[in-house]
Protein backbone atom coordinates (compact mmCIF):
# COMPACT_ATOMS: atom_id res chain seq x y z
CA MET A 1 16.64 24.92 27.09
CA LEU A 2 17.88 21.49 28.13
CA SER A 3 20.24 22.34 31.08
CA LYS A 4 21.46 18.71 31.95
CA LYS A 5 23.12 15.84 30.18
CA ILE A 6 20.46 14.25 28.14
CA ASP A 7 19.51 11.33 26.81
CA ARG A 8 21.19 10.37 23.23
CA PRO A 9 18.82 11.75 20.50
CA GLN A 10 16.92 8.74 18.68
CA ILE A 11 15.66 9.00 15.43
CA LEU A 12 13.51 5.64 14.68
CA VAL A 13 12.72 5.12 11.22
CA SER A 14 10.75 2.10 9.88
CA LEU A 15 12.82 -0.33 8.02
CA ASN A 16 10.39 -1.55 5.61
CA SER A 17 8.00 1.63 5.82
CA THR A 18 6.78 1.18 2.46
CA TYR A 19 5.42 -2.27 2.94
CA VAL A 20 2.11 -2.83 1.06
CA PRO A 21 0.15 -6.45 0.90
CA THR A 22 1.23 -7.89 -2.21
CA GLY A 23 -2.10 -7.84 -3.92
CA GLN A 24 -3.06 -4.38 -2.70
CA CYS A 25 -1.05 -1.77 -3.83
CA ASP A 26 -1.82 -0.61 -7.34
CA CYS A 27 1.42 1.41 -7.70
CA ASP A 28 3.70 -0.76 -5.63
CA GLY A 29 4.73 1.46 -2.70
CA GLY A 30 8.41 2.34 -2.38
CA ASP A 31 9.09 1.43 -6.34
CA CYS A 32 6.36 3.89 -7.71
CA ALA A 33 4.95 7.55 -7.76
CA CYS A 34 4.17 7.14 -4.14
CA ASP A 35 7.87 7.40 -3.30
CA LEU A 36 9.97 10.20 -2.84
CA SER A 37 13.38 10.33 -4.52
CA PRO A 38 15.79 8.90 -2.05
CA LEU A 39 18.50 11.28 -1.06
CA ALA A 40 22.29 10.08 -1.10
CA GLU A 41 23.28 8.57 2.23
CA LEU A 42 26.21 9.90 4.25
CA SER A 43 29.41 8.17 5.50
CA SER A 44 29.50 7.01 8.97
CA ASP A 45 31.18 10.64 9.73
CA ILE A 46 29.07 13.21 8.44
CA ARG A 47 31.48 15.84 9.48
CA LEU A 48 34.18 14.73 6.98
CA SER A 49 32.19 13.33 4.25
CA LEU A 50 31.48 14.99 0.97
CA GLY A 51 33.04 18.07 1.74
CA MET A 52 29.57 19.26 3.81
CA LEU A 53 31.43 20.85 6.46
CA GLU A 54 30.92 24.04 5.22
CA THR A 55 27.13 23.17 3.95
CA GLU A 56 24.30 24.67 5.42
CA PHE A 57 21.54 22.49 6.50
CA VAL A 58 17.89 23.33 7.38
CA ARG A 59 14.96 21.30 8.48
CA VAL A 60 12.64 20.66 5.89
CA PRO A 61 9.39 22.42 5.49
CA ASN A 62 5.88 20.90 5.86
CA SER A 63 6.40 18.72 8.67
CA GLN A 64 4.45 17.96 11.47
CA MET A 65 4.77 16.62 15.22
CA MET A 66 2.30 14.46 17.03
CA ASN A 67 3.23 13.59 20.83
CA LEU A 68 3.07 9.81 21.51
CA ASP A 69 3.93 9.96 25.37
CA ASP A 70 6.13 12.02 27.50
CA THR A 71 9.09 10.82 25.63
CA TYR A 72 8.73 10.45 21.93
CA SER A 73 6.75 12.04 19.19
CA ILE A 74 6.27 11.12 15.80
CA CYS A 75 6.87 13.51 12.96
CA TYR A 76 5.39 13.17 9.56
CA GLY A 77 5.38 15.64 6.39
CA THR A 78 5.58 15.52 2.63
CA HIS A 79 9.09 16.11 2.32
CA HIS A 80 10.77 13.40 4.62
CA LYS A 81 10.16 9.85 5.89
CA VAL A 82 7.87 9.10 8.92
CA ALA A 83 9.99 9.07 12.08
CA VAL A 84 9.93 8.90 15.69
CA LEU A 85 12.28 11.33 17.78
CA ASN A 86 12.82 11.24 21.45
CA GLN A 87 13.23 14.87 22.82
CA SER A 88 16.66 15.16 22.69
CA ALA A 89 16.45 14.51 18.64
CA ILE A 90 13.49 17.03 18.71
CA TYR A 91 15.84 19.61 20.42
CA LEU A 92 18.45 18.68 17.83
CA LEU A 93 15.93 19.11 14.99
CA ASN A 94 15.08 22.44 16.09
CA GLN A 95 18.49 23.62 15.79
CA PHE A 96 18.22 23.68 11.92
CA THR A 97 15.06 25.56 12.27
CA ASN A 98 17.18 28.25 10.42
CA PRO A 99 20.15 27.06 8.12
CA GLN A 100 23.03 26.14 10.14
CA LYS A 101 26.59 24.57 9.45
CA LEU A 102 27.46 21.40 11.16
CA ASP A 103 30.23 23.46 12.92
CA ASP A 104 27.45 25.73 14.16
CA ILE A 105 26.00 23.12 16.46
CA ALA A 106 27.48 23.56 19.71
CA ILE A 107 27.95 20.24 21.38
CA GLU A 108 28.39 21.92 24.96
CA ASN A 109 24.78 23.25 24.14
CA LEU A 110 23.17 20.03 23.69
CA LEU A 111 25.75 18.36 26.19
CA ILE A 112 25.91 15.34 24.34
CA ASP A 113 28.73 12.94 23.46
CA SER A 114 30.74 14.42 20.25
CA THR A 115 30.05 10.89 18.40
CA ASP A 116 26.24 10.64 19.32
CA LEU A 117 25.91 14.14 17.95
CA GLN A 118 27.49 13.30 14.56
CA THR A 119 25.35 10.01 14.40
CA ALA A 120 22.24 11.97 15.25
CA ILE A 121 22.59 14.32 12.65
CA GLN A 122 23.37 11.80 10.10
CA GLU A 123 20.16 10.32 10.95
CA LEU A 124 18.37 13.22 10.80
CA TYR A 125 19.67 13.63 7.34
CA GLN A 126 18.76 10.08 6.11
CA ALA A 127 15.38 10.42 7.50
CA ARG A 128 15.17 13.45 5.35
CA LEU A 129 14.24 15.96 8.18
CA ILE A 130 17.26 18.10 7.38
CA ALA A 131 18.83 18.93 3.93
CA PRO A 132 21.07 21.04 2.41
CA ASN A 133 19.66 24.81 2.55
CA ASN A 134 17.89 25.51 -0.88
CA ASN A 135 18.09 21.91 -1.99
CA TYR A 136 15.07 20.02 -0.41
CA SER A 137 12.62 20.28 -3.50
CA PHE A 138 9.44 18.56 -3.44
CA ASN A 139 9.06 16.62 -6.51
CA LEU A 140 6.75 13.49 -6.76
CA ASN A 141 7.44 11.22 -9.48
CA GLU A 142 4.39 10.62 -11.56
CA ILE A 143 5.71 7.53 -13.63
CA PRO A 144 6.44 4.37 -11.17
CA GLU A 145 8.57 1.90 -12.08
CA THR A 146 6.12 -0.97 -11.85
CA LEU A 147 3.56 -1.63 -14.89
CA THR A 148 0.81 -3.45 -12.97
CA ALA A 149 -1.68 -5.71 -14.90
CA TRP A 150 -4.52 -7.79 -13.83
CA LEU A 151 -5.22 -10.93 -15.49
CA HIS A 152 -9.04 -12.02 -15.14
CA ILE A 153 -8.50 -15.70 -16.10
CA THR A 154 -11.91 -16.84 -15.35
CA ASP A 155 -15.16 -15.36 -14.47
CA ARG A 156 -16.32 -18.88 -12.86
CA CYS A 157 -16.37 -18.45 -9.23
CA ASN A 158 -17.39 -21.03 -6.26
CA LEU A 159 -18.41 -18.29 -4.31
CA ARG A 160 -21.20 -15.39 -4.26
CA CYS A 161 -19.83 -12.80 -2.18
CA ASP A 162 -22.58 -10.11 -2.28
CA TYR A 163 -20.24 -7.41 -2.85
CA CYS A 164 -18.80 -8.94 -5.97
CA TYR A 165 -18.82 -6.92 -9.41
CA LEU A 166 -18.55 -9.83 -11.60
CA PRO A 167 -21.43 -11.76 -13.01
CA HIS A 168 -19.81 -15.28 -12.64
CA VAL A 169 -20.39 -16.55 -16.31
CA ALA A 170 -18.92 -19.88 -17.03
CA LYS A 171 -16.01 -18.41 -19.15
CA ASP A 172 -12.12 -19.08 -19.02
CA MET A 173 -9.00 -17.39 -20.70
CA SER A 174 -7.65 -19.60 -23.33
CA ILE A 175 -3.75 -20.26 -22.97
CA ASP A 176 -3.41 -18.21 -26.44
CA ILE A 177 -4.96 -15.13 -25.46
CA GLY A 178 -3.28 -15.27 -21.95
CA LYS A 179 0.11 -15.62 -23.72
CA ALA A 180 -1.22 -12.34 -26.23
CA ALA A 181 -2.03 -10.43 -22.97
CA ILE A 182 1.45 -11.21 -21.44
CA GLU A 183 3.04 -10.40 -24.49
CA SER A 184 0.94 -6.66 -24.84
CA ILE A 185 1.80 -6.14 -21.14
CA PHE A 186 5.94 -6.65 -21.64
CA ARG A 187 5.44 -4.37 -25.02
CA SER A 188 3.96 -1.57 -23.11
CA ALA A 189 6.74 -1.97 -20.49
CA THR A 190 9.32 -1.85 -22.86
CA LEU A 191 7.97 1.02 -24.79
CA ASN A 192 7.31 2.92 -21.83
CA HIS A 193 10.62 2.02 -19.96
CA TYR A 194 9.39 0.33 -16.76
CA ARG A 195 11.85 -1.72 -15.12
CA ARG A 196 9.18 -4.10 -13.66
CA VAL A 197 6.23 -5.86 -14.43
CA LYS A 198 3.64 -7.10 -11.74
CA LEU A 199 1.02 -9.67 -12.86
CA LYS A 200 -2.11 -10.39 -10.64
CA TYR A 201 -3.90 -13.46 -11.67
CA ALA A 202 -7.48 -12.88 -10.62
CA GLY A 203 -11.01 -14.42 -11.17
CA GLY A 204 -13.85 -15.07 -10.45
CA GLU A 205 -11.66 -17.73 -8.59
CA ALA A 206 -8.28 -17.99 -10.08
CA LEU A 207 -7.56 -21.29 -8.48
CA LEU A 208 -10.04 -23.02 -10.58
CA CYS A 209 -7.78 -22.63 -13.23
CA SER A 210 -4.43 -23.12 -11.37
CA PRO A 211 -2.86 -25.15 -14.71
CA LEU A 212 -3.28 -22.02 -16.47
CA ILE A 213 -1.61 -19.96 -14.20
CA LYS A 214 1.31 -22.11 -14.30
CA ASP A 215 1.24 -21.86 -18.14
CA LEU A 216 0.99 -18.30 -18.01
CA HIS A 217 3.41 -17.55 -15.77
CA LEU A 218 6.30 -19.62 -17.26
CA TYR A 219 5.79 -17.43 -20.23
CA ALA A 220 5.75 -14.42 -18.39
CA GLN A 221 9.32 -15.40 -16.96
CA SER A 222 10.52 -16.30 -20.18
CA LEU A 223 9.62 -12.70 -21.29
CA SER A 224 10.81 -11.30 -18.34
CA LYS A 225 14.50 -12.70 -19.20
CA GLU A 226 13.95 -11.60 -22.67
CA THR A 227 13.52 -8.21 -22.10
CA ASP A 228 15.33 -7.72 -18.69
CA ILE A 229 12.33 -6.80 -17.15
CA ILE A 230 11.79 -7.88 -13.54
CA LEU A 231 8.76 -10.26 -12.83
CA ASP A 232 6.61 -10.14 -9.67
CA GLY A 233 3.38 -11.96 -9.17
CA VAL A 234 0.50 -12.53 -7.26
CA VAL A 235 -2.56 -14.92 -7.08
CA LEU A 236 -5.80 -13.24 -5.81
CA SER A 237 -7.90 -16.20 -4.21
CA ASN A 238 -10.98 -16.80 -1.96
CA GLY A 239 -8.82 -19.32 -0.44
CA THR A 240 -11.23 -22.03 -0.64
CA LEU A 241 -9.25 -24.34 -3.08
CA ILE A 242 -6.21 -24.50 -1.42
CA THR A 243 -4.09 -27.69 -1.22
CA PRO A 244 -0.69 -28.60 -0.52
CA GLU A 245 0.05 -29.36 -4.29
CA ILE A 246 -1.11 -25.68 -4.87
CA ILE A 247 1.02 -24.08 -2.42
CA GLU A 248 4.02 -26.14 -3.95
CA MET A 249 3.02 -24.80 -7.63
CA LEU A 250 2.87 -21.37 -6.10
CA GLN A 251 6.35 -21.58 -4.36
CA ALA A 252 7.94 -23.35 -7.67
CA LEU A 253 6.92 -20.34 -9.57
CA ASN A 254 7.99 -17.51 -6.99
CA LEU A 255 4.21 -16.38 -6.99
CA ARG A 256 2.45 -14.91 -3.70
CA LEU A 257 -0.82 -15.55 -2.66
CA MET A 258 -3.55 -13.10 -1.17
CA ILE A 259 -6.59 -14.63 0.30
CA SER A 260 -9.96 -12.44 1.07
CA LEU A 261 -11.25 -12.96 4.45
CA ASP A 262 -13.85 -10.42 5.98
CA GLY A 263 -14.05 -11.90 9.75
CA LEU A 264 -14.09 -14.77 11.87
CA SER A 265 -16.99 -17.39 11.48
CA ASN A 266 -20.26 -15.49 10.48
CA PHE A 267 -18.72 -12.09 10.27
CA HIS A 268 -17.15 -13.67 6.83
CA ASN A 269 -19.82 -16.04 6.00
CA ILE A 270 -22.73 -13.14 5.82
CA GLN A 271 -20.93 -11.57 2.81
CA ARG A 272 -18.57 -14.36 1.35
CA SER A 273 -20.83 -17.79 0.83
CA TYR A 274 -21.06 -20.49 -1.63
CA ALA A 275 -23.61 -20.39 -4.60
CA GLY A 276 -25.58 -22.71 -2.32
CA GLY A 277 -25.92 -20.22 0.71
CA LYS A 278 -23.27 -21.94 2.83
CA GLY A 279 -20.53 -20.13 4.62
CA SER A 280 -17.11 -20.26 3.43
CA PHE A 281 -15.16 -19.56 6.60
CA GLN A 282 -14.16 -22.99 7.73
CA ASP A 283 -12.81 -23.79 4.25
CA VAL A 284 -10.80 -20.24 3.80
CA GLU A 285 -9.50 -20.82 7.43
CA ARG A 286 -8.25 -24.38 6.26
CA GLY A 287 -6.72 -22.93 3.18
CA ILE A 288 -4.86 -20.35 5.37
CA LYS A 289 -3.37 -22.87 7.63
CA ILE A 290 -2.58 -25.28 4.68
CA ALA A 291 -0.44 -22.36 3.39
CA LEU A 292 1.35 -21.77 6.46
CA GLN A 293 2.12 -25.66 7.20
CA ASN A 294 3.69 -25.25 3.58
CA GLY A 295 6.04 -22.50 4.08
CA LEU A 296 3.72 -19.94 1.87
CA ILE A 297 2.79 -16.52 4.36
CA PRO A 298 -0.54 -15.27 2.51
CA ASP A 299 -1.63 -11.68 2.70
CA ILE A 300 -4.94 -11.31 4.01
CA SER A 301 -7.21 -8.99 2.13
CA ILE A 302 -10.24 -7.54 4.23
CA THR A 303 -13.21 -5.81 2.90
CA VAL A 304 -14.92 -3.62 5.37
CA SER A 305 -18.73 -3.09 5.10
CA GLY A 306 -21.47 -2.16 7.43
CA ARG A 307 -22.06 -5.92 8.12
CA ASN A 308 -18.58 -6.98 9.40
CA ALA A 309 -17.17 -3.68 10.97
CA GLU A 310 -18.22 -4.96 14.39
CA GLY A 311 -16.32 -7.96 14.05
CA LEU A 312 -13.00 -6.38 12.81
CA PRO A 313 -11.01 -6.72 16.46
CA ALA A 314 -11.82 -10.28 16.67
CA LEU A 315 -10.49 -10.95 13.36
CA ILE A 316 -7.36 -8.28 13.65
CA GLU A 317 -6.45 -10.48 17.04
CA TRP A 318 -6.81 -13.72 15.14
CA ILE A 319 -4.66 -12.37 12.05
CA LEU A 320 -1.92 -10.99 14.35
CA GLU A 321 -1.48 -14.17 16.09
CA ASN A 322 -0.96 -16.13 12.94
CA ASN A 323 1.39 -13.46 12.17
CA LEU A 324 0.00 -12.40 8.90
CA PRO A 325 0.25 -9.48 6.55
CA PHE A 326 -3.27 -7.92 5.80
CA SER A 327 -4.89 -4.64 4.54
CA LEU A 328 -8.21 -3.25 5.44
CA ASN A 329 -10.24 -1.86 2.19
CA PHE A 330 -13.52 -0.27 2.49
CA TYR A 331 -16.54 -1.63 0.56
CA ARG A 332 -17.36 0.04 -2.93
CA GLU A 333 -20.87 -0.17 -4.02
CA ASN A 334 -21.28 -1.70 -7.68
CA GLU A 335 -23.97 -2.34 -10.08
CA LEU A 336 -24.41 -5.98 -8.83
CA SER A 337 -24.31 -5.04 -5.22
CA ALA A 338 -26.45 -1.69 -5.07
CA SER A 339 -29.59 -3.59 -3.75
CA TYR A 340 -27.71 -4.70 -0.44
CA GLU A 341 -28.03 -1.63 1.61
CA ASP A 342 -26.78 -3.00 4.77
CA LEU A 343 -23.18 -3.07 3.08
CA GLN A 344 -22.89 0.53 3.09
CA LEU A 345 -20.46 2.27 5.16
CA GLU A 346 -22.19 4.05 8.05
CA GLU A 347 -19.72 6.80 9.42
CA SER A 348 -19.93 6.25 13.24
CA ARG A 349 -20.26 2.53 13.01
CA LEU A 350 -17.38 2.34 10.71
CA ILE A 351 -15.02 4.54 12.85
CA GLU A 352 -15.91 2.62 15.77
CA GLY A 353 -15.32 -0.79 14.08
CA MET A 354 -11.85 0.56 12.74
CA LEU A 355 -10.94 2.03 16.09
CA ALA A 356 -11.54 -0.97 18.02
CA ALA A 357 -9.51 -3.10 15.81
CA PHE A 358 -6.68 -0.32 16.19
CA LYS A 359 -6.60 -0.75 20.06
CA VAL A 360 -6.40 -4.57 19.45
CA ILE A 361 -3.28 -3.89 17.33
CA GLU A 362 -1.64 -1.49 19.82
CA LEU A 363 -1.64 -4.48 22.19
CA LYS A 364 0.12 -6.75 19.75
CA LEU A 365 1.91 -4.73 17.50
CA PRO A 366 3.54 -6.65 14.28
CA ASN A 367 7.21 -6.13 13.20
CA ARG A 368 6.24 -4.76 10.02
CA SER A 369 4.76 -1.25 8.99
CA LEU A 370 1.32 -0.79 8.67
CA LEU A 371 0.80 2.63 7.41
CA GLY A 372 0.46 1.39 3.98
CA SER A 373 -2.56 -1.25 4.60
CA LEU A 374 -4.74 0.17 7.73
CA ILE A 375 -6.84 2.57 5.86
CA ASP A 376 -8.59 1.51 2.34
CA ARG A 377 -6.38 3.20 -0.48
CA ALA A 378 -4.13 5.40 1.60
CA ASN A 379 -0.43 4.89 1.92
CA LEU A 380 0.87 6.81 4.77
CA SER A 381 4.34 5.69 4.27
CA SER A 382 5.36 8.18 1.97
CA PRO A 383 3.50 11.21 0.09
CA HIS A 384 1.79 10.55 -3.73
CA LYS A 385 -0.54 12.26 -5.73
CA ARG A 386 -2.76 9.46 -7.05
CA THR A 387 -4.83 6.96 -5.33
CA CYS A 388 -3.70 3.85 -7.30
CA GLY A 389 -2.15 3.12 -10.93
CA VAL A 390 -5.51 3.30 -12.76
CA GLY A 391 -5.07 5.34 -15.95
CA GLN A 392 -1.33 5.89 -15.40
CA SER A 393 0.66 2.60 -14.94
CA TYR A 394 -2.35 0.18 -14.94
CA LEU A 395 -3.87 -2.60 -17.26
CA VAL A 396 -6.90 -5.06 -16.83
CA PHE A 397 -7.52 -7.94 -18.98
CA ASP A 398 -10.60 -9.76 -19.10
CA TYR A 399 -11.11 -13.52 -20.36
CA LYS A 400 -11.18 -12.36 -23.76
CA GLY A 401 -8.10 -10.17 -24.17
CA GLN A 402 -10.19 -6.90 -23.84
CA ILE A 403 -8.47 -4.13 -21.72
CA ALA A 404 -10.26 -1.98 -19.22
CA LYS A 405 -8.86 0.64 -17.23
CA CYS A 406 -10.35 -0.49 -13.57
CA GLN A 407 -10.99 -4.02 -12.52
CA MET A 408 -14.30 -2.73 -11.04
CA GLN A 409 -15.25 -1.63 -14.66
CA LEU A 410 -14.03 -4.67 -16.39
CA HIS A 411 -17.25 -4.75 -18.61
CA LYS A 412 -16.00 -0.85 -19.83
CA THR A 413 -12.93 -2.23 -22.21
CA ILE A 414 -11.26 0.36 -24.40
CA SER A 415 -8.39 -1.74 -25.99
CA SER A 416 -6.96 -5.16 -26.38
CA SER A 417 -4.20 -7.37 -26.24
CA ALA A 418 -3.52 -6.96 -30.31
CA THR A 419 -2.89 -3.06 -29.61
CA GLU A 420 0.87 -2.51 -30.07
CA ASP A 421 0.80 -0.23 -26.57
CA PRO A 422 -2.26 -0.56 -24.97
CA LEU A 423 -0.93 1.52 -21.93
CA SER A 424 -0.84 4.54 -24.20
CA VAL A 425 -4.62 4.11 -25.39
CA VAL A 426 -5.18 3.70 -21.37
CA ARG A 427 -3.39 6.84 -20.60
CA GLN A 428 -5.06 8.87 -23.45
CA ASP A 429 -8.88 7.83 -22.59
CA LYS A 430 -10.76 10.79 -21.17
CA VAL A 431 -14.35 9.10 -21.15
CA GLY A 432 -13.65 6.33 -18.59
CA ILE A 433 -12.94 6.71 -15.40
CA GLN A 434 -10.23 9.52 -14.23
CA ASN A 435 -7.65 9.19 -11.78
CA LEU A 436 -7.18 12.82 -11.22
CA SER A 437 -3.85 14.08 -9.22
CA VAL A 438 -5.13 15.08 -5.80
CA GLU A 439 -4.22 18.69 -6.69
CA GLU A 440 -7.07 18.88 -8.88
CA LYS A 441 -9.63 17.63 -6.54
CA GLU A 442 -11.79 20.13 -4.80
CA GLY A 443 -11.83 20.13 -1.05
CA CYS A 444 -8.45 18.12 -1.07
CA ARG A 445 -6.06 21.21 -2.06
CA THR A 446 -5.71 22.58 1.44
CA CYS A 447 -5.96 19.25 3.40
CA GLU A 448 -3.23 18.16 5.45
CA TRP A 449 -3.62 14.70 4.48
CA LYS A 450 -3.87 15.13 0.57
CA TYR A 451 -0.48 13.48 -0.54
CA TRP A 452 -1.47 10.59 1.76
CA CYS A 453 -5.16 10.11 0.99
CA THR A 454 -5.09 11.87 -2.57
CA GLY A 455 -8.90 11.88 -2.23
CA GLY A 456 -9.88 8.30 -2.19
CA CYS A 457 -11.25 6.01 -4.86
CA SER A 458 -12.08 7.59 -7.84
CA LEU A 459 -14.56 5.54 -8.70
CA ALA A 460 -16.43 5.33 -5.39
CA THR A 461 -16.24 9.40 -5.50
CA PHE A 462 -17.91 9.20 -9.00
CA LYS A 463 -20.48 6.90 -7.97
CA ALA A 464 -21.23 8.92 -4.79
CA THR A 465 -20.92 12.35 -6.57
CA GLY A 466 -21.02 12.06 -10.22
CA ARG A 467 -17.69 13.81 -10.09
CA TYR A 468 -13.82 12.99 -10.49
CA ASP A 469 -12.71 16.22 -9.44
CA ILE A 470 -13.90 16.34 -5.60
CA GLN A 471 -12.98 14.87 -2.38
CA SER A 472 -14.11 11.24 -1.49
CA PRO A 473 -17.04 10.60 0.39
CA ASN A 474 -15.14 8.76 3.13
CA CYS A 475 -13.39 11.87 3.83
CA ASN A 476 -14.52 12.33 7.37
CA ILE A 477 -13.84 8.63 8.15
CA TYR A 478 -10.29 8.77 6.54
CA LYS A 479 -9.70 12.05 8.98
CA ALA A 480 -10.81 10.42 12.34
CA LEU A 481 -8.53 7.45 11.37
CA TYR A 482 -5.20 8.80 9.81
CA PRO A 483 -3.72 10.18 13.28
CA GLU A 484 -4.55 6.93 15.30
CA ALA A 485 -2.90 4.81 12.38
CA LEU A 486 0.21 7.06 12.63
CA ARG A 487 0.26 6.82 16.49
CA LEU A 488 0.11 2.90 16.13
CA GLU A 489 3.23 3.20 13.66
CA GLY A 490 4.94 5.64 16.34
CA LEU A 491 4.22 2.82 18.98
CA ARG A 492 5.60 0.20 16.84
CA LEU A 493 8.68 1.71 16.07
CA ILE A 494 9.33 2.43 20.02
CA LYS A 495 8.62 -1.22 20.59
CA TYR A 496 10.93 -2.56 17.87
CA SER A 497 13.64 0.13 18.28
CA TYR A 498 16.22 -2.27 19.64
CA LEU A 499 16.09 -3.94 15.98
CA LEU A 500 16.34 -0.85 14.27
CA TYR A 501 19.55 0.32 16.02
CA LYS A 502 21.35 -2.84 15.23
CA TYR A 503 21.75 -1.10 11.78
């Protein structure tokens, strides 16, 4: 028991805890099934609001604590937000181990100011660490608010990345096929009551068809207004074709940009080269600088393989120095890359490279949360049941207007833009890739990380095991890295607590 006057309880919750780079999250972070249904906020004086003086509150279940230092611990669980608590806040939280009325929390026992106590209890509630007794149901919404669609507007590309899953035939999407695809996306969004549509313009190299991007997104904007469905868009690029004019076009269309960068110098070049064999790093670096100089901050997508894991620390340092959002994604073998055995993920080597990168992040913690972008497809910012939106809230169009379930299986189409509701066809398919709930996967059901990891990429698991209903082959890698990723978030929250407490 604390016997002296103690510090004011601190409950630090990330203001942008659901941030995920724009091109990466296929279920859109806080706007999707990955997010808990929000609890109502309390007024500034919790004791007098909503008649809760007689309500019993209790600490929510399934909550875990990890020490960060002698003062702070990070608290995470399926029912609440990721939060950092000091010792006073932990002591206060423990008062709700059994149901308590607010008046039963004795101020004299805590030896803190009455106003501070009221504020701390409100913060515990808003972080979802406490809830009205018998009213803290755990219900993950399976249907997100955003329908995500990939538009592979071209199969052409000026690079020949060794891990690419496309054959790079010289074919482009026509404007008529593109418009038909967008119409079908908005039809499915309307029929299935989506509030948002997210378009990913991809290739090949999408910027080889920049005029087509402009025409298609203008058309999408017109349908957005007609249907009253919010539109979001991102261009996925290798970064070699960036010019000031391209950036101006993207800004005028309110389109975001994601650029692939796998390392500095040769760590990038060894897996992302031009068709003639020349490395692309210098041109990608130039493209990123052009974007920044013209006021557009690109997201950086990093594909981690056996080739470049060693170079991750230097790359992350460069990214943080330029204050760029980024995501770390693991290489996935496909039919075209299977012959490159050195791309394969060797557990100890990958873990060593990732942890070395985490050390760099610890020395230069960014002001944005990394919980949704540090480890492959995992989103540690909020619990969810499925790794991505494949088979649920996801459409992938090839240049002919044919629809696949996953971009890595673009050749396995099951519908087309002519279908009245292509999303219903995707959801009903039981032959292709099956994106099962984590609760259906052997080896995942009792894992403490199951609602953050969700068993990893279904396609990668099937390729390694021949099954969809089993844990990821990268399971040991994930378990080694998750605690460290949470620790980084905790340290980041402490560093920026002065900003959080302004609100």
